[in-house]
């Protein structure tokens, strides 16, 4: 078994509406590609259109923004602004608003 895994090139993925009960502003849509899954770890690419919605994390997520810009505002008052080239980690227990202020793409790694 190899310990190296090239992530597959991406085929088209369908855009999905963010559930209405989560939306805070706009009409955001997202699409996701899962390129790797092994046990509690997954990785891939995510894309989103303009808009803001509520999030509640139960997992760890490592994010590298590759295009666009977003602002995460925690219910605890914390604020994180990220743009292309920025990386950050969201820890389990984070609740708040994910606001896409410029259409964005991110690479992500999630551990549940």
PDB file of N, CA and C in Angstrom:
ATOM      1  N   UNK A   1       0.844  -1.191   0.000  1.00  0.00           N
ATOM      2  CA  UNK A   1       0.000   0.000   0.000  1.00  0.00           C
ATOM      3  C   UNK A   1       0.883   1.246   0.000  1.00  0.00           C
ATOM      4  N   UNK A   2       0.602   2.151  -0.901  1.00  0.00           N
ATOM      5  CA  UNK A   2       1.375   3.384  -0.993  1.00  0.00           C
ATOM      6  C   UNK A   2       0.963   4.370   0.097  1.00  0.00           C
ATOM      7  N   UNK A   3       1.920   5.150   0.525  1.00  0.00           N
ATOM      8  CA  UNK A   3       1.652   6.212   1.492  1.00  0.00           C
ATOM      9  C   UNK A   3       1.611   7.572   0.800  1.00  0.00           C
ATOM     10  N   UNK A   4       1.567   7.562  -0.527  1.00  0.00           N
ATOM     11  CA  UNK A   4       1.454   8.781  -1.314  1.00  0.00           C
ATOM     12  C   UNK A   4       0.164   8.719  -2.111  1.00  0.00           C
ATOM     13  N   UNK A   5      -0.550   9.837  -2.162  1.00  0.00           N
ATOM     14  CA  UNK A   5      -1.831   9.869  -2.862  1.00  0.00           C
ATOM     15  C   UNK A   5      -1.950  11.161  -3.664  1.00  0.00           C
ATOM     16  N   UNK A   6      -1.916  11.035  -4.968  1.00  0.00           N
ATOM     17  CA  UNK A   6      -2.156  12.200  -5.821  1.00  0.00           C
ATOM     18  C   UNK A   6      -3.655  12.464  -5.819  1.00  0.00           C
ATOM     19  N   UNK A   7      -4.044  13.710  -5.650  1.00  0.00           N
ATOM     20  CA  UNK A   7      -5.460  14.048  -5.665  1.00  0.00           C
ATOM     21  C   UNK A   7      -5.925  14.134  -7.110  1.00  0.00           C
ATOM     22  N   UNK A   8      -7.048  13.486  -7.387  1.00  0.00           N
ATOM     23  CA  UNK A   8      -7.578  13.434  -8.739  1.00  0.00           C
ATOM     24  C   UNK A   8      -7.860  14.823  -9.281  1.00  0.00           C
ATOM     25  N   UNK A   9      -7.713  14.954 -10.591  1.00  0.00           N
ATOM     26  CA  UNK A   9      -8.135  16.192 -11.249  1.00  0.00           C
ATOM     27  C   UNK A   9      -9.639  16.292 -11.136  1.00  0.00           C
ATOM     28  N   UNK A  10     -10.133  17.496 -11.192  1.00  0.00           N
ATOM     29  CA  UNK A  10     -11.543  17.722 -10.885  1.00  0.00           C
ATOM     30  C   UNK A  10     -12.431  17.686 -12.119  1.00  0.00           C
ATOM     31  N   UNK A  11     -13.519  16.971 -11.995  1.00  0.00           N
ATOM     32  CA  UNK A  11     -14.591  17.015 -12.977  1.00  0.00           C
ATOM     33  C   UNK A  11     -15.588  18.062 -12.513  1.00  0.00           C
ATOM     34  N   UNK A  12     -16.550  18.387 -13.348  1.00  0.00           N
ATOM     35  CA  UNK A  12     -17.572  19.364 -12.975  1.00  0.00           C
ATOM     36  C   UNK A  12     -18.361  18.858 -11.772  1.00  0.00           C
ATOM     37  N   UNK A  13     -18.680  19.749 -10.871  1.00  0.00           N
ATOM     38  CA  UNK A  13     -19.530  19.438  -9.718  1.00  0.00           C
ATOM     39  C   UNK A  13     -20.738  20.356  -9.780  1.00  0.00           C
ATOM     40  N   UNK A  14     -21.839  19.875  -9.298  1.00  0.00           N
ATOM     41  CA  UNK A  14     -23.085  20.645  -9.320  1.00  0.00           C
ATOM     42  C   UNK A  14     -23.096  21.703  -8.224  1.00  0.00           C
ATOM     43  N   UNK A  15     -23.592  22.884  -8.540  1.00  0.00           N
ATOM     44  CA  UNK A  15     -23.809  23.922  -7.550  1.00  0.00           C
ATOM     45  C   UNK A  15     -25.026  23.545  -6.712  1.00  0.00           C
ATOM     46  N   UNK A  16     -24.950  23.807  -5.409  1.00  0.00           N
ATOM     47  CA  UNK A  16     -26.064  23.551  -4.505  1.00  0.00           C
ATOM     48  C   UNK A  16     -26.372  24.820  -3.724  1.00  0.00           C
ATOM     49  N   UNK A  17     -27.664  25.080  -3.516  1.00  0.00           N
ATOM     50  CA  UNK A  17     -28.072  26.218  -2.700  1.00  0.00           C
ATOM     51  C   UNK A  17     -27.763  25.932  -1.236  1.00  0.00           C
ATOM     52  N   UNK A  18     -27.310  26.954  -0.508  1.00  0.00           N
ATOM     53  CA  UNK A  18     -27.188  26.823   0.942  1.00  0.00           C
ATOM     54  C   UNK A  18     -28.606  26.725   1.480  1.00  0.00           C
ATOM     55  N   UNK A  19     -28.878  25.823   2.434  1.00  0.00           N
ATOM     56  CA  UNK A  19     -30.243  25.696   2.966  1.00  0.00           C
ATOM     57  C   UNK A  19     -30.791  27.042   3.457  1.00  0.00           C
ATOM     58  N   UNK A  20     -32.021  27.329   3.092  1.00  0.00           N
ATOM     59  CA  UNK A  20     -32.645  28.630   3.376  1.00  0.00           C
ATOM     60  C   UNK A  20     -32.594  29.000   4.854  1.00  0.00           C
ATOM     61  N   UNK A  21     -32.752  28.026   5.748  1.00  0.00           N
ATOM     62  CA  UNK A  21     -32.787  28.331   7.180  1.00  0.00           C
ATOM     63  C   UNK A  21     -31.427  28.792   7.715  1.00  0.00           C
ATOM     64  N   UNK A  22     -30.348  28.583   6.945  1.00  0.00           N
ATOM     65  CA  UNK A  22     -29.012  29.009   7.373  1.00  0.00           C
ATOM     66  C   UNK A  22     -28.617  30.367   6.807  1.00  0.00           C
ATOM     67  N   UNK A  23     -29.282  30.824   5.748  1.00  0.00           N
ATOM     68  CA  UNK A  23     -28.867  32.032   5.033  1.00  0.00           C
ATOM     69  C   UNK A  23     -29.104  33.284   5.870  1.00  0.00           C
ATOM     70  N   UNK A  24     -28.073  34.127   5.896  1.00  0.00           N
ATOM     71  CA  UNK A  24     -28.118  35.417   6.579  1.00  0.00           C
ATOM     72  C   UNK A  24     -28.220  36.546   5.556  1.00  0.00           C
ATOM     73  N   UNK A  25     -27.561  36.382   4.403  1.00  0.00           N
ATOM     74  CA  UNK A  25     -27.583  37.415   3.360  1.00  0.00           C
ATOM     75  C   UNK A  25     -27.343  36.775   2.001  1.00  0.00           C
ATOM     76  N   UNK A  26     -27.965  37.343   0.978  1.00  0.00           N
ATOM     77  CA  UNK A  26     -27.751  36.899  -0.387  1.00  0.00           C
ATOM     78  C   UNK A  26     -28.428  35.574  -0.694  1.00  0.00           C
ATOM     79  N   UNK A  27     -27.931  34.932  -1.733  1.00  0.00           N
ATOM     80  CA  UNK A  27     -28.433  33.619  -2.168  1.00  0.00           C
ATOM     81  C   UNK A  27     -27.227  32.732  -2.454  1.00  0.00           C
ATOM     82  N   UNK A  28     -26.435  32.421  -1.417  1.00  0.00           N
ATOM     83  CA  UNK A  28     -25.186  31.699  -1.646  1.00  0.00           C
ATOM     84  C   UNK A  28     -25.391  30.275  -2.152  1.00  0.00           C
ATOM     85  N   UNK A  29     -24.444  29.873  -3.001  1.00  0.00           N
ATOM     86  CA  UNK A  29     -24.417  28.506  -3.530  1.00  0.00           C
ATOM     87  C   UNK A  29     -22.999  27.984  -3.338  1.00  0.00           C
ATOM     88  N   UNK A  30     -22.883  26.690  -3.170  1.00  0.00           N
ATOM     89  CA  UNK A  30     -21.572  26.071  -2.998  1.00  0.00           C
ATOM     90  C   UNK A  30     -21.466  24.825  -3.871  1.00  0.00           C
ATOM     91  N   UNK A  31     -20.235  24.423  -4.108  1.00  0.00           N
ATOM     92  CA  UNK A  31     -20.002  23.108  -4.689  1.00  0.00           C
ATOM     93  C   UNK A  31     -18.720  22.563  -4.075  1.00  0.00           C
ATOM     94  N   UNK A  32     -18.672  21.243  -3.980  1.00  0.00           N
ATOM     95  CA  UNK A  32     -17.583  20.598  -3.259  1.00  0.00           C
ATOM     96  C   UNK A  32     -17.091  19.379  -4.026  1.00  0.00           C
ATOM     97  N   UNK A  33     -15.795  19.194  -3.956  1.00  0.00           N
ATOM     98  CA  UNK A  33     -15.161  18.010  -4.502  1.00  0.00           C
ATOM     99  C   UNK A  33     -14.417  17.338  -3.358  1.00  0.00           C
ATOM    100  N   UNK A  34     -14.714  16.084  -3.096  1.00  0.00           N
ATOM    101  CA  UNK A  34     -13.961  15.295  -2.120  1.00  0.00           C
ATOM    102  C   UNK A  34     -12.931  14.511  -2.922  1.00  0.00           C
ATOM    103  N   UNK A  35     -11.667  14.818  -2.698  1.00  0.00           N
ATOM    104  CA  UNK A  35     -10.601  14.202  -3.481  1.00  0.00           C
ATOM    105  C   UNK A  35      -9.868  13.099  -2.728  1.00  0.00           C
ATOM    106  N   UNK A  36     -10.070  13.038  -1.417  1.00  0.00           N
ATOM    107  CA  UNK A  36      -9.376  12.041  -0.603  1.00  0.00           C
ATOM    108  C   UNK A  36     -10.204  11.766   0.635  1.00  0.00           C
ATOM    109  N   UNK A  37     -10.351  10.491   0.974  1.00  0.00           N
ATOM    110  CA  UNK A  37     -11.015  10.089   2.217  1.00  0.00           C
ATOM    111  C   UNK A  37     -10.304   8.869   2.771  1.00  0.00           C
ATOM    112  N   UNK A  38      -9.946   8.941   4.036  1.00  0.00           N
ATOM    113  CA  UNK A  38      -9.319   7.811   4.711  1.00  0.00           C
ATOM    114  C   UNK A  38      -9.639   7.924   6.194  1.00  0.00           C
ATOM    115  N   UNK A  39     -10.493   7.047   6.685  1.00  0.00           N
ATOM    116  CA  UNK A  39     -10.867   7.100   8.094  1.00  0.00           C
ATOM    117  C   UNK A  39     -11.515   8.426   8.435  1.00  0.00           C
ATOM    118  N   UNK A  40     -10.968   9.119   9.430  1.00  0.00           N
ATOM    119  CA  UNK A  40     -11.533  10.382   9.908  1.00  0.00           C
ATOM    120  C   UNK A  40     -11.015  11.600   9.147  1.00  0.00           C
ATOM    121  N   UNK A  41     -10.256  11.369   8.066  1.00  0.00           N
ATOM    122  CA  UNK A  41      -9.638  12.472   7.334  1.00  0.00           C
ATOM    123  C   UNK A  41     -10.205  12.550   5.922  1.00  0.00           C
ATOM    124  N   UNK A  42     -10.484  13.766   5.470  1.00  0.00           N
ATOM    125  CA  UNK A  42     -10.948  13.994   4.104  1.00  0.00           C
ATOM    126  C   UNK A  42     -10.324  15.290   3.602  1.00  0.00           C
ATOM    127  N   UNK A  43     -10.171  15.393   2.275  1.00  0.00           N
ATOM    128  CA  UNK A  43      -9.581  16.592   1.686  1.00  0.00           C
ATOM    129  C   UNK A  43     -10.204  16.835   0.317  1.00  0.00           C
ATOM    130  N   UNK A  44     -10.195  18.093  -0.086  1.00  0.00           N
ATOM    131  CA  UNK A  44     -10.740  18.410  -1.393  1.00  0.00           C
ATOM    132  C   UNK A  44     -10.739  19.889  -1.695  1.00  0.00           C
ATOM    133  N   UNK A  45     -11.667  20.264  -2.561  1.00  0.00           N
ATOM    134  CA  UNK A  45     -11.806  21.636  -3.030  1.00  0.00           C
ATOM    135  C   UNK A  45     -13.248  22.071  -2.814  1.00  0.00           C
ATOM    136  N   UNK A  46     -13.442  23.339  -2.506  1.00  0.00           N
ATOM    137  CA  UNK A  46     -14.771  23.897  -2.255  1.00  0.00           C
ATOM    138  C   UNK A  46     -14.840  25.243  -2.937  1.00  0.00           C
ATOM    139  N   UNK A  47     -16.008  25.564  -3.470  1.00  0.00           N
ATOM    140  CA  UNK A  47     -16.221  26.835  -4.151  1.00  0.00           C
ATOM    141  C   UNK A  47     -17.530  27.422  -3.649  1.00  0.00           C
ATOM    142  N   UNK A  48     -17.605  28.757  -3.553  1.00  0.00           N
ATOM    143  CA  UNK A  48     -18.834  29.388  -3.082  1.00  0.00           C
ATOM    144  C   UNK A  48     -19.055  30.722  -3.780  1.00  0.00           C
ATOM    145  N   UNK A  49     -20.346  31.043  -3.969  1.00  0.00           N
ATOM    146  CA  UNK A  49     -20.735  32.339  -4.528  1.00  0.00           C
ATOM    147  C   UNK A  49     -20.962  33.321  -3.378  1.00  0.00           C
ATOM    148  N   UNK A  50     -21.272  34.546  -3.716  1.00  0.00           N
ATOM    149  CA  UNK A  50     -21.495  35.582  -2.705  1.00  0.00           C
ATOM    150  C   UNK A  50     -22.655  35.237  -1.790  1.00  0.00           C
ATOM    151  N   UNK A  51     -22.519  35.619  -0.521  1.00  0.00           N
ATOM    152  CA  UNK A  51     -23.589  35.428   0.441  1.00  0.00           C
ATOM    153  C   UNK A  51     -23.033  35.056   1.800  1.00  0.00           C
ATOM    154  N   UNK A  52     -23.924  35.032   2.787  1.00  0.00           N
ATOM    155  CA  UNK A  52     -23.526  34.715   4.161  1.00  0.00           C
ATOM    156  C   UNK A  52     -24.511  33.723   4.760  1.00  0.00           C
ATOM    157  N   UNK A  53     -23.979  32.808   5.579  1.00  0.00           N
ATOM    158  CA  UNK A  53     -24.833  31.804   6.220  1.00  0.00           C
ATOM    159  C   UNK A  53     -24.226  31.361   7.541  1.00  0.00           C
ATOM    160  N   UNK A  54     -25.078  30.802   8.373  1.00  0.00           N
ATOM    161  CA  UNK A  54     -24.669  30.303   9.684  1.00  0.00           C
ATOM    162  C   UNK A  54     -23.962  28.965   9.542  1.00  0.00           C
ATOM    163  N   UNK A  55     -22.922  28.783  10.359  1.00  0.00           N
ATOM    164  CA  UNK A  55     -22.191  27.515  10.401  1.00  0.00           C
ATOM    165  C   UNK A  55     -22.019  27.081  11.856  1.00  0.00           C
ATOM    166  N   UNK A  56     -21.882  25.788  12.057  1.00  0.00           N
ATOM    167  CA  UNK A  56     -21.594  25.213  13.369  1.00  0.00           C
ATOM    168  C   UNK A  56     -20.680  24.016  13.137  1.00  0.00           C
ATOM    169  N   UNK A  57     -19.438  24.124  13.575  1.00  0.00           N
ATOM    170  CA  UNK A  57     -18.433  23.097  13.300  1.00  0.00           C
ATOM    171  C   UNK A  57     -18.361  22.052  14.414  1.00  0.00           C
ATOM    172  N   UNK A  58     -18.356  20.786  14.007  1.00  0.00           N
ATOM    173  CA  UNK A  58     -18.135  19.677  14.937  1.00  0.00           C
ATOM    174  C   UNK A  58     -16.814  18.986  14.608  1.00  0.00           C
ATOM    175  N   UNK A  59     -16.138  19.462  13.569  1.00  0.00           N
ATOM    176  CA  UNK A  59     -14.891  18.870  13.100  1.00  0.00           C
ATOM    177  C   UNK A  59     -13.802  19.938  13.014  1.00  0.00           C
ATOM    178  N   UNK A  60     -12.553  19.484  12.828  1.00  0.00           N
ATOM    179  CA  UNK A  60     -11.428  20.371  12.555  1.00  0.00           C
ATOM    180  C   UNK A  60     -11.364  20.586  11.051  1.00  0.00           C
ATOM    181  N   UNK A  61     -11.103  21.824  10.616  1.00  0.00           N
ATOM    182  CA  UNK A  61     -10.907  22.077   9.192  1.00  0.00           C
ATOM    183  C   UNK A  61      -9.702  22.984   8.984  1.00  0.00           C
ATOM    184  N   UNK A  62      -8.792  22.542   8.127  1.00  0.00           N
ATOM    185  CA  UNK A  62      -7.658  23.341   7.676  1.00  0.00           C
ATOM    186  C   UNK A  62      -8.037  23.891   6.312  1.00  0.00           C
ATOM    187  N   UNK A  63      -7.888  25.195   6.117  1.00  0.00           N
ATOM    188  CA  UNK A  63      -8.326  25.876   4.900  1.00  0.00           C
ATOM    189  C   UNK A  63      -7.164  26.644   4.284  1.00  0.00           C
ATOM    190  N   UNK A  64      -7.025  26.541   2.954  1.00  0.00           N
ATOM    191  CA  UNK A  64      -6.133  27.412   2.194  1.00  0.00           C
ATOM    192  C   UNK A  64      -6.998  28.069   1.129  1.00  0.00           C
ATOM    193  N   UNK A  65      -7.140  29.385   1.209  1.00  0.00           N
ATOM    194  CA  UNK A  65      -7.944  30.120   0.234  1.00  0.00           C
ATOM    195  C   UNK A  65      -7.110  30.282  -1.034  1.00  0.00           C
ATOM    196  N   UNK A  66      -7.679  29.842  -2.167  1.00  0.00           N
ATOM    197  CA  UNK A  66      -6.928  29.950  -3.419  1.00  0.00           C
ATOM    198  C   UNK A  66      -7.498  31.024  -4.345  1.00  0.00           C
ATOM    199  N   UNK A  67      -8.693  31.520  -4.042  1.00  0.00           N
ATOM    200  CA  UNK A  67      -9.280  32.621  -4.811  1.00  0.00           C
ATOM    201  C   UNK A  67     -10.390  33.247  -3.974  1.00  0.00           C
ATOM    202  N   UNK A  68     -10.589  34.546  -4.154  1.00  0.00           N
ATOM    203  CA  UNK A  68     -11.691  35.234  -3.481  1.00  0.00           C
ATOM    204  C   UNK A  68     -11.376  35.672  -2.068  1.00  0.00           C
ATOM    205  N   UNK A  69     -12.453  35.978  -1.323  1.00  0.00           N
ATOM    206  CA  UNK A  69     -12.290  36.512   0.031  1.00  0.00           C
ATOM    207  C   UNK A  69     -13.516  36.178   0.857  1.00  0.00           C
ATOM    208  N   UNK A  70     -13.286  35.905   2.158  1.00  0.00           N
ATOM    209  CA  UNK A  70     -14.384  35.617   3.082  1.00  0.00           C
ATOM    210  C   UNK A  70     -14.103  36.249   4.433  1.00  0.00           C
ATOM    211  N   UNK A  71     -15.174  36.377   5.221  1.00  0.00           N
ATOM    212  CA  UNK A  71     -15.072  36.845   6.598  1.00  0.00           C
ATOM    213  C   UNK A  71     -15.846  35.858   7.453  1.00  0.00           C
ATOM    214  N   UNK A  72     -15.182  35.307   8.469  1.00  0.00           N
ATOM    215  CA  UNK A  72     -15.852  34.449   9.437  1.00  0.00           C
ATOM    216  C   UNK A  72     -16.018  35.255  10.720  1.00  0.00           C
ATOM    217  N   UNK A  73     -17.241  35.311  11.219  1.00  0.00           N
ATOM    218  CA  UNK A  73     -17.529  36.042  12.450  1.00  0.00           C
ATOM    219  C   UNK A  73     -18.135  35.065  13.443  1.00  0.00           C
ATOM    220  N   UNK A  74     -17.423  34.828  14.532  1.00  0.00           N
ATOM    221  CA  UNK A  74     -17.875  33.888  15.536  1.00  0.00           C
ATOM    222  C   UNK A  74     -18.941  34.480  16.437  1.00  0.00           C
ATOM    223  N   UNK A  75     -19.791  33.626  16.955  1.00  0.00           N
ATOM    224  CA  UNK A  75     -20.785  34.077  17.924  1.00  0.00           C
ATOM    225  C   UNK A  75     -20.129  34.643  19.175  1.00  0.00           C
ATOM    226  N   UNK A  76     -18.839  34.319  19.389  1.00  0.00           N
ATOM    227  CA  UNK A  76     -18.081  34.851  20.527  1.00  0.00           C
ATOM    228  C   UNK A  76     -17.461  36.213  20.230  1.00  0.00           C
ATOM    229  N   UNK A  77     -17.705  36.763  19.020  1.00  0.00           N
ATOM    230  CA  UNK A  77     -17.167  38.071  18.647  1.00  0.00           C
ATOM    231  C   UNK A  77     -15.864  38.011  17.861  1.00  0.00           C
ATOM    232  N   UNK A  78     -15.273  36.837  17.709  1.00  0.00           N
ATOM    233  CA  UNK A  78     -14.037  36.715  16.941  1.00  0.00           C
ATOM    234  C   UNK A  78     -14.327  36.960  15.460  1.00  0.00           C
ATOM    235  N   UNK A  79     -13.334  37.537  14.765  1.00  0.00           N
ATOM    236  CA  UNK A  79     -13.478  37.812  13.333  1.00  0.00           C
ATOM    237  C   UNK A  79     -12.193  37.394  12.637  1.00  0.00           C
ATOM    238  N   UNK A  80     -12.348  36.675  11.514  1.00  0.00           N
ATOM    239  CA  UNK A  80     -11.215  36.278  10.698  1.00  0.00           C
ATOM    240  C   UNK A  80     -11.549  36.630   9.254  1.00  0.00           C
ATOM    241  N   UNK A  81     -10.693  37.436   8.637  1.00  0.00           N
ATOM    242  CA  UNK A  81     -10.833  37.777   7.224  1.00  0.00           C
ATOM    243  C   UNK A  81      -9.736  37.038   6.471  1.00  0.00           C
ATOM    244  N   UNK A  82     -10.094  36.391   5.371  1.00  0.00           N
ATOM    245  CA  UNK A  82      -9.106  35.621   4.616  1.00  0.00           C
ATOM    246  C   UNK A  82      -9.292  35.873   3.128  1.00  0.00           C
ATOM    247  N   UNK A  83      -8.159  35.905   2.411  1.00  0.00           N
ATOM    248  CA  UNK A  83      -8.147  36.112   0.962  1.00  0.00           C
ATOM    249  C   UNK A  83      -7.170  35.119   0.345  1.00  0.00           C
ATOM    250  N   UNK A  84      -7.122  35.105  -0.977  1.00  0.00           N
ATOM    251  CA  UNK A  84      -6.240  34.186  -1.690  1.00  0.00           C
ATOM    252  C   UNK A  84      -4.842  34.206  -1.083  1.00  0.00           C
ATOM    253  N   UNK A  85      -4.329  33.003  -0.784  1.00  0.00           N
ATOM    254  CA  UNK A  85      -3.003  32.858  -0.192  1.00  0.00           C
ATOM    255  C   UNK A  85      -3.024  32.687   1.312  1.00  0.00           C
ATOM    256  N   UNK A  86      -4.143  32.993   1.960  1.00  0.00           N
ATOM    257  CA  UNK A  86      -4.252  32.839   3.412  1.00  0.00           C
ATOM    258  C   UNK A  86      -4.628  31.412   3.778  1.00  0.00           C
ATOM    259  N   UNK A  87      -4.197  30.989   4.963  1.00  0.00           N
ATOM    260  CA  UNK A  87      -4.541  29.676   5.492  1.00  0.00           C
ATOM    261  C   UNK A  87      -4.993  29.852   6.938  1.00  0.00           C
ATOM    262  N   UNK A  88      -5.924  28.993   7.372  1.00  0.00           N
ATOM    263  CA  UNK A  88      -6.397  29.053   8.757  1.00  0.00           C
ATOM    264  C   UNK A  88      -7.000  27.723   9.162  1.00  0.00           C
ATOM    265  N   UNK A  89      -7.229  27.571  10.456  1.00  0.00           N
ATOM    266  CA  UNK A  89      -7.842  26.374  11.015  1.00  0.00           C
ATOM    267  C   UNK A  89      -9.111  26.776  11.749  1.00  0.00           C
ATOM    268  N   UNK A  90     -10.179  26.013  11.536  1.00  0.00           N
ATOM    269  CA  UNK A  90     -11.421  26.167  12.290  1.00  0.00           C
ATOM    270  C   UNK A  90     -11.506  24.965  13.222  1.00  0.00           C
ATOM    271  N   UNK A  91     -11.692  25.221  14.502  1.00  0.00           N
ATOM    272  CA  UNK A  91     -11.760  24.142  15.487  1.00  0.00           C
ATOM    273  C   UNK A  91     -13.204  23.739  15.765  1.00  0.00           C
ATOM    274  N   UNK A  92     -13.398  22.494  16.209  1.00  0.00           N
ATOM    275  CA  UNK A  92     -14.746  22.073  16.601  1.00  0.00           C
ATOM    276  C   UNK A  92     -15.297  23.027  17.659  1.00  0.00           C
ATOM    277  N   UNK A  93     -16.581  23.317  17.563  1.00  0.00           N
ATOM    278  CA  UNK A  93     -17.218  24.225  18.509  1.00  0.00           C
ATOM    279  C   UNK A  93     -17.405  25.631  17.966  1.00  0.00           C
ATOM    280  N   UNK A  94     -16.728  25.945  16.836  1.00  0.00           N
ATOM    281  CA  UNK A  94     -16.924  27.269  16.242  1.00  0.00           C
ATOM    282  C   UNK A  94     -18.349  27.367  15.712  1.00  0.00           C
ATOM    283  N   UNK A  95     -19.037  28.427  16.106  1.00  0.00           N
ATOM    284  CA  UNK A  95     -20.356  28.743  15.553  1.00  0.00           C
ATOM    285  C   UNK A  95     -20.335  30.206  15.159  1.00  0.00           C
ATOM    286  N   UNK A  96     -21.022  30.520  14.069  1.00  0.00           N
ATOM    287  CA  UNK A  96     -21.056  31.905  13.624  1.00  0.00           C
ATOM    288  C   UNK A  96     -21.509  32.022  12.189  1.00  0.00           C
ATOM    289  N   UNK A  97     -20.971  33.040  11.516  1.00  0.00           N
ATOM    290  CA  UNK A  97     -21.373  33.375  10.147  1.00  0.00           C
ATOM    291  C   UNK A  97     -20.178  33.224   9.216  1.00  0.00           C
ATOM    292  N   UNK A  98     -20.394  32.525   8.098  1.00  0.00           N
ATOM    293  CA  UNK A  98     -19.413  32.449   7.009  1.00  0.00           C
ATOM    294  C   UNK A  98     -19.942  33.379   5.931  1.00  0.00           C
ATOM    295  N   UNK A  99     -19.190  34.439   5.629  1.00  0.00           N
ATOM    296  CA  UNK A  99     -19.606  35.451   4.657  1.00  0.00           C
ATOM    297  C   UNK A  99     -18.615  35.470   3.494  1.00  0.00           C
ATOM    298  N   UNK A 100     -19.079  35.091   2.316  1.00  0.00           N
ATOM    299  CA  UNK A 100     -18.245  35.138   1.112  1.00  0.00           C
ATOM    300  C   UNK A 100     -18.464  36.512   0.484  1.00  0.00           C
ATOM    301  N   UNK A 101     -17.417  37.358   0.540  1.00  0.00           N
ATOM    302  CA  UNK A 101     -17.530  38.727   0.043  1.00  0.00           C
ATOM    303  C   UNK A 101     -16.955  38.884  -1.368  1.00  0.00           C
ATOM    304  N   UNK A 102     -16.187  37.898  -1.828  1.00  0.00           N
ATOM    305  CA  UNK A 102     -15.758  37.766  -3.224  1.00  0.00           C
ATOM    306  C   UNK A 102     -15.852  36.281  -3.533  1.00  0.00           C
ATOM    307  N   UNK A 103     -16.450  35.903  -4.662  1.00  0.00           N
ATOM    308  CA  UNK A 103     -16.568  34.466  -4.966  1.00  0.00           C
ATOM    309  C   UNK A 103     -15.243  33.766  -4.675  1.00  0.00           C
ATOM    310  N   UNK A 104     -15.318  32.615  -4.008  1.00  0.00           N
ATOM    311  CA  UNK A 104     -14.077  32.016  -3.519  1.00  0.00           C
ATOM    312  C   UNK A 104     -13.967  30.532  -3.801  1.00  0.00           C
ATOM    313  N   UNK A 105     -12.698  30.088  -3.733  1.00  0.00           N
ATOM    314  CA  UNK A 105     -12.336  28.678  -3.787  1.00  0.00           C
ATOM    315  C   UNK A 105     -11.358  28.424  -2.639  1.00  0.00           C
ATOM    316  N   UNK A 106     -11.443  27.223  -2.095  1.00  0.00           N
ATOM    317  CA  UNK A 106     -10.499  26.849  -1.037  1.00  0.00           C
ATOM    318  C   UNK A 106     -10.147  25.383  -1.172  1.00  0.00           C
ATOM    319  N   UNK A 107      -8.924  25.064  -0.783  1.00  0.00           N
ATOM    320  CA  UNK A 107      -8.532  23.687  -0.524  1.00  0.00           C
ATOM    321  C   UNK A 107      -8.844  23.463   0.944  1.00  0.00           C
ATOM    322  N   UNK A 108      -9.311  22.272   1.278  1.00  0.00           N
ATOM    323  CA  UNK A 108      -9.670  21.986   2.664  1.00  0.00           C
ATOM    324  C   UNK A 108      -9.219  20.579   3.053  1.00  0.00           C
ATOM    325  N   UNK A 109      -8.939  20.435   4.343  1.00  0.00           N
ATOM    326  CA  UNK A 109      -8.689  19.140   4.952  1.00  0.00           C
ATOM    327  C   UNK A 109      -9.516  19.118   6.231  1.00  0.00           C
ATOM    328  N   UNK A 110     -10.344  18.084   6.370  1.00  0.00           N
ATOM    329  CA  UNK A 110     -11.223  17.960   7.538  1.00  0.00           C
ATOM    330  C   UNK A 110     -10.871  16.690   8.298  1.00  0.00           C
ATOM    331  N   UNK A 111     -10.828  16.821   9.619  1.00  0.00           N
ATOM    332  CA  UNK A 111     -10.680  15.664  10.496  1.00  0.00           C
ATOM    333  C   UNK A 111     -11.877  15.638  11.435  1.00  0.00           C
ATOM    334  N   UNK A 112     -12.621  14.549  11.388  1.00  0.00           N
ATOM    335  CA  UNK A 112     -13.810  14.429  12.251  1.00  0.00           C
ATOM    336  C   UNK A 112     -13.482  13.669  13.517  1.00  0.00           C
TER     337      UNK A 112
END
